[in-house]
């Protein structure tokens, strides 16, 4: 698997959410109770930046229209049939590595 560094682990304290732009694509990284998760960073509703939203109990809320997504599965909270991509993550040597291929 090709792993890509998207952040330093020190940038992502528990309970935080951040946006990362890599090669013109947006990703949302979050830390839920010490578990780092990575998702596509664009809301499917109208393209809102999920990484600029809010993180509460593992749910990411889009800042534009309040659509909510489970950070573990990528499922939309009010319509489980609608999902956004989630990516495998590992933290090594202080780096957040994500399989975005």
N, C-alpha and C. Protein backbone atom coordinates (compact mmCIF):
# COMPACT_ATOMS: atom_id res chain seq x y z
N UNK A 1 0.83 -1.20 0.00
CA UNK A 1 0.00 0.00 0.00
C UNK A 1 0.87 1.25 0.00
N UNK A 2 0.53 2.21 -0.81
CA UNK A 2 1.28 3.47 -0.79
C UNK A 2 0.75 4.40 0.31
N UNK A 3 1.57 4.70 1.27
CA UNK A 3 1.18 5.57 2.38
C UNK A 3 1.71 6.97 2.13
N UNK A 4 0.87 7.97 2.37
CA UNK A 4 1.22 9.36 2.12
C UNK A 4 1.10 10.15 3.41
N UNK A 5 2.13 10.91 3.73
CA UNK A 5 2.07 11.77 4.91
C UNK A 5 1.12 12.93 4.64
N UNK A 6 0.10 13.08 5.50
CA UNK A 6 -0.82 14.20 5.36
C UNK A 6 -0.68 15.22 6.48
N UNK A 7 -0.04 14.83 7.59
CA UNK A 7 0.11 15.77 8.71
C UNK A 7 1.13 15.22 9.70
N UNK A 8 1.55 16.08 10.61
CA UNK A 8 2.31 15.63 11.77
C UNK A 8 1.30 15.28 12.85
N UNK A 9 1.56 14.22 13.56
CA UNK A 9 0.64 13.80 14.62
C UNK A 9 0.43 14.89 15.67
N UNK A 10 1.44 15.72 15.89
CA UNK A 10 1.33 16.80 16.88
C UNK A 10 0.30 17.85 16.48
N UNK A 11 -0.09 17.90 15.22
CA UNK A 11 -1.09 18.85 14.74
C UNK A 11 -2.52 18.39 15.03
N UNK A 12 -2.67 17.14 15.47
CA UNK A 12 -3.99 16.54 15.56
C UNK A 12 -4.23 15.95 16.95
N UNK A 13 -4.43 16.82 17.91
CA UNK A 13 -4.71 16.40 19.29
C UNK A 13 -6.08 15.73 19.36
N UNK A 14 -6.31 14.88 20.37
CA UNK A 14 -7.63 14.27 20.53
C UNK A 14 -8.73 15.32 20.54
N UNK A 15 -9.81 15.01 19.80
CA UNK A 15 -10.96 15.91 19.73
C UNK A 15 -10.86 16.99 18.66
N UNK A 16 -9.79 16.92 17.83
CA UNK A 16 -9.63 17.95 16.81
C UNK A 16 -9.90 17.42 15.41
N UNK A 17 -10.15 18.36 14.52
CA UNK A 17 -10.45 18.10 13.13
C UNK A 17 -9.65 19.10 12.30
N UNK A 18 -9.09 18.65 11.19
CA UNK A 18 -8.34 19.57 10.35
C UNK A 18 -8.53 19.24 8.88
N UNK A 19 -8.31 20.24 8.05
CA UNK A 19 -8.38 20.07 6.62
C UNK A 19 -6.97 19.99 6.05
N UNK A 20 -6.79 19.08 5.10
CA UNK A 20 -5.49 18.94 4.45
C UNK A 20 -5.75 18.93 2.94
N UNK A 21 -4.97 19.74 2.22
CA UNK A 21 -5.04 19.77 0.77
C UNK A 21 -3.79 19.08 0.23
N UNK A 22 -3.99 18.06 -0.57
CA UNK A 22 -2.86 17.31 -1.13
C UNK A 22 -3.11 17.08 -2.61
N UNK A 23 -2.25 17.60 -3.43
CA UNK A 23 -2.36 17.44 -4.88
C UNK A 23 -3.73 17.87 -5.40
N UNK A 24 -4.25 18.95 -4.85
CA UNK A 24 -5.53 19.51 -5.30
C UNK A 24 -6.76 18.82 -4.75
N UNK A 25 -6.59 17.84 -3.88
CA UNK A 25 -7.73 17.15 -3.27
C UNK A 25 -7.78 17.48 -1.79
N UNK A 26 -9.00 17.58 -1.24
CA UNK A 26 -9.17 17.90 0.18
C UNK A 26 -9.45 16.63 0.97
N UNK A 27 -8.84 16.58 2.16
CA UNK A 27 -9.06 15.49 3.10
C UNK A 27 -9.41 16.08 4.45
N UNK A 28 -10.21 15.37 5.20
CA UNK A 28 -10.52 15.74 6.58
C UNK A 28 -9.86 14.72 7.48
N UNK A 29 -9.01 15.19 8.39
CA UNK A 29 -8.37 14.32 9.38
C UNK A 29 -8.95 14.67 10.74
N UNK A 30 -9.21 13.65 11.54
CA UNK A 30 -9.71 13.91 12.88
C UNK A 30 -9.10 12.91 13.85
N UNK A 31 -9.13 13.28 15.12
CA UNK A 31 -8.63 12.43 16.18
C UNK A 31 -9.77 12.21 17.16
N UNK A 32 -10.27 10.99 17.17
CA UNK A 32 -11.39 10.63 18.04
C UNK A 32 -10.87 9.73 19.14
N UNK A 33 -10.70 10.29 20.33
CA UNK A 33 -10.22 9.52 21.46
C UNK A 33 -8.87 8.87 21.24
N UNK A 34 -8.00 9.51 20.48
CA UNK A 34 -6.69 8.96 20.20
C UNK A 34 -6.60 8.16 18.92
N UNK A 35 -7.72 7.90 18.27
CA UNK A 35 -7.74 7.20 16.99
C UNK A 35 -7.83 8.23 15.87
N UNK A 36 -6.80 8.27 15.02
CA UNK A 36 -6.79 9.21 13.91
C UNK A 36 -7.54 8.59 12.74
N UNK A 37 -8.42 9.39 12.14
CA UNK A 37 -9.23 8.94 11.01
C UNK A 37 -9.07 9.92 9.85
N UNK A 38 -9.23 9.40 8.63
CA UNK A 38 -9.12 10.24 7.43
C UNK A 38 -10.31 9.97 6.51
N UNK A 39 -10.87 11.06 6.01
CA UNK A 39 -12.02 10.98 5.12
C UNK A 39 -11.83 11.95 3.97
N UNK A 40 -12.62 11.75 2.92
CA UNK A 40 -12.66 12.75 1.85
C UNK A 40 -13.10 14.06 2.51
N UNK A 41 -12.55 15.17 2.06
CA UNK A 41 -12.79 16.44 2.73
C UNK A 41 -13.84 17.32 2.13
N UNK A 42 -14.62 16.80 1.17
CA UNK A 42 -15.63 17.62 0.50
C UNK A 42 -17.01 17.01 0.75
N UNK A 43 -17.91 17.82 1.27
CA UNK A 43 -19.28 17.36 1.52
C UNK A 43 -19.99 17.13 0.19
N UNK A 44 -20.67 16.00 0.05
CA UNK A 44 -21.35 15.70 -1.22
C UNK A 44 -22.58 16.58 -1.46
N UNK A 45 -23.03 17.29 -0.45
CA UNK A 45 -24.22 18.13 -0.62
C UNK A 45 -23.95 19.29 -1.57
N UNK A 46 -23.06 20.19 -1.16
CA UNK A 46 -22.73 21.32 -2.02
C UNK A 46 -21.25 21.69 -1.96
N UNK A 47 -20.42 20.70 -1.64
CA UNK A 47 -18.98 20.90 -1.70
C UNK A 47 -18.36 21.61 -0.52
N UNK A 48 -19.03 21.62 0.61
CA UNK A 48 -18.49 22.26 1.81
C UNK A 48 -17.22 21.58 2.29
N UNK A 49 -16.34 22.34 2.96
CA UNK A 49 -15.07 21.80 3.45
C UNK A 49 -15.23 21.09 4.79
N UNK A 50 -15.34 19.78 4.78
CA UNK A 50 -15.59 19.02 6.01
C UNK A 50 -14.51 19.24 7.06
N UNK A 51 -13.27 19.41 6.65
CA UNK A 51 -12.17 19.62 7.60
C UNK A 51 -12.25 20.93 8.34
N UNK A 52 -13.12 21.83 7.90
CA UNK A 52 -13.33 23.11 8.58
C UNK A 52 -14.58 23.08 9.44
N UNK A 53 -15.21 21.92 9.53
CA UNK A 53 -16.44 21.77 10.29
C UNK A 53 -16.18 21.51 11.76
N UNK A 54 -17.12 20.81 12.37
CA UNK A 54 -17.04 20.49 13.80
C UNK A 54 -16.95 18.98 13.97
N UNK A 55 -16.31 18.56 15.07
CA UNK A 55 -16.20 17.16 15.42
C UNK A 55 -16.80 16.95 16.79
N UNK A 56 -17.83 16.12 16.87
CA UNK A 56 -18.49 15.82 18.14
C UNK A 56 -18.79 14.33 18.21
N UNK A 57 -18.19 13.65 19.19
CA UNK A 57 -18.42 12.22 19.39
C UNK A 57 -18.21 11.41 18.11
N UNK A 58 -17.20 11.75 17.35
CA UNK A 58 -16.88 11.00 16.15
C UNK A 58 -17.69 11.39 14.92
N UNK A 59 -18.54 12.39 15.05
CA UNK A 59 -19.36 12.85 13.93
C UNK A 59 -18.82 14.19 13.44
N UNK A 60 -18.57 14.27 12.13
CA UNK A 60 -18.12 15.51 11.51
C UNK A 60 -19.33 16.23 10.93
N UNK A 61 -19.44 17.52 11.26
CA UNK A 61 -20.54 18.34 10.75
C UNK A 61 -19.99 19.35 9.75
N UNK A 62 -20.55 19.34 8.56
CA UNK A 62 -20.13 20.28 7.52
C UNK A 62 -20.49 21.70 7.96
N UNK A 63 -19.57 22.65 7.81
CA UNK A 63 -19.83 24.02 8.26
C UNK A 63 -20.82 24.78 7.40
N UNK A 64 -21.10 24.31 6.21
CA UNK A 64 -22.00 25.06 5.32
C UNK A 64 -23.47 24.80 5.59
N UNK A 65 -23.88 23.53 5.66
CA UNK A 65 -25.31 23.23 5.80
C UNK A 65 -25.61 22.17 6.85
N UNK A 66 -24.63 21.91 7.71
CA UNK A 66 -24.79 21.04 8.88
C UNK A 66 -25.06 19.57 8.56
N UNK A 67 -24.67 19.12 7.39
CA UNK A 67 -24.77 17.69 7.11
C UNK A 67 -23.75 16.99 7.99
N UNK A 68 -24.12 15.83 8.56
CA UNK A 68 -23.26 15.12 9.50
C UNK A 68 -22.83 13.76 8.94
N UNK A 69 -21.55 13.42 9.22
CA UNK A 69 -20.99 12.17 8.73
C UNK A 69 -20.24 11.46 9.85
N UNK A 70 -20.45 10.14 9.94
CA UNK A 70 -19.73 9.31 10.90
C UNK A 70 -18.28 9.21 10.42
N UNK A 71 -17.34 9.62 11.26
CA UNK A 71 -15.94 9.65 10.84
C UNK A 71 -15.33 8.25 10.70
N UNK A 72 -15.95 7.24 11.26
CA UNK A 72 -15.43 5.88 11.14
C UNK A 72 -15.88 5.24 9.81
N UNK A 73 -17.14 5.42 9.45
CA UNK A 73 -17.70 4.74 8.28
C UNK A 73 -17.87 5.65 7.07
N UNK A 74 -17.93 6.95 7.29
CA UNK A 74 -18.20 7.89 6.21
C UNK A 74 -19.68 8.05 5.91
N UNK A 75 -20.54 7.34 6.67
CA UNK A 75 -21.98 7.40 6.41
C UNK A 75 -22.58 8.73 6.86
N UNK A 76 -23.50 9.23 6.05
CA UNK A 76 -24.27 10.41 6.43
C UNK A 76 -25.21 9.99 7.56
N UNK A 77 -25.29 10.78 8.60
CA UNK A 77 -26.07 10.42 9.79
C UNK A 77 -27.56 10.28 9.47
N UNK A 78 -28.10 11.13 8.61
CA UNK A 78 -29.54 11.06 8.35
C UNK A 78 -29.90 10.25 7.11
N UNK A 79 -28.90 9.78 6.37
CA UNK A 79 -29.14 8.93 5.20
C UNK A 79 -27.95 7.99 5.04
N UNK A 80 -28.00 6.84 5.70
CA UNK A 80 -26.87 5.91 5.74
C UNK A 80 -26.47 5.39 4.35
N UNK A 81 -27.34 5.54 3.35
CA UNK A 81 -27.01 5.11 1.99
C UNK A 81 -26.02 6.07 1.33
N UNK A 82 -25.91 7.28 1.86
CA UNK A 82 -24.99 8.29 1.33
C UNK A 82 -23.71 8.25 2.14
N UNK A 83 -22.59 7.99 1.48
CA UNK A 83 -21.31 7.91 2.18
C UNK A 83 -20.24 8.72 1.47
N UNK A 84 -19.21 9.07 2.24
CA UNK A 84 -18.02 9.68 1.68
C UNK A 84 -16.87 8.69 1.92
N UNK A 85 -15.85 8.74 1.08
CA UNK A 85 -14.75 7.79 1.25
C UNK A 85 -14.00 7.98 2.57
N UNK A 86 -13.62 6.86 3.17
CA UNK A 86 -12.73 6.86 4.33
C UNK A 86 -11.46 6.13 3.91
N UNK A 87 -10.35 6.47 4.54
CA UNK A 87 -9.06 5.95 4.14
C UNK A 87 -8.34 5.32 5.33
N UNK A 88 -7.59 4.24 5.09
CA UNK A 88 -6.78 3.65 6.16
C UNK A 88 -5.72 4.65 6.64
N UNK A 89 -5.49 4.64 7.96
CA UNK A 89 -4.54 5.56 8.58
C UNK A 89 -3.61 4.79 9.49
N UNK A 90 -2.38 5.23 9.54
CA UNK A 90 -1.45 4.75 10.56
C UNK A 90 -0.60 5.94 10.99
N UNK A 91 -0.19 5.92 12.24
CA UNK A 91 0.66 6.97 12.78
C UNK A 91 1.99 6.34 13.12
N UNK A 92 3.04 6.83 12.48
CA UNK A 92 4.38 6.29 12.69
C UNK A 92 5.38 7.43 12.74
N UNK A 93 6.28 7.37 13.70
CA UNK A 93 7.34 8.36 13.79
C UNK A 93 6.82 9.79 13.85
N UNK A 94 5.68 9.97 14.49
CA UNK A 94 5.11 11.30 14.62
C UNK A 94 4.42 11.83 13.37
N UNK A 95 4.21 10.95 12.38
CA UNK A 95 3.56 11.35 11.14
C UNK A 95 2.23 10.62 10.95
N UNK A 96 1.25 11.34 10.42
CA UNK A 96 -0.03 10.74 10.07
C UNK A 96 0.09 10.31 8.61
N UNK A 97 0.06 8.99 8.40
CA UNK A 97 0.18 8.41 7.06
C UNK A 97 -1.16 7.85 6.64
N UNK A 98 -1.56 8.18 5.42
CA UNK A 98 -2.88 7.78 4.92
C UNK A 98 -2.71 7.10 3.56
N UNK A 99 -3.47 6.03 3.38
CA UNK A 99 -3.48 5.32 2.09
C UNK A 99 -4.54 5.98 1.22
N UNK A 100 -4.12 6.96 0.42
CA UNK A 100 -5.07 7.71 -0.40
C UNK A 100 -5.08 7.24 -1.85
N UNK A 101 -4.37 6.17 -2.14
CA UNK A 101 -4.31 5.68 -3.53
C UNK A 101 -5.59 4.97 -3.92
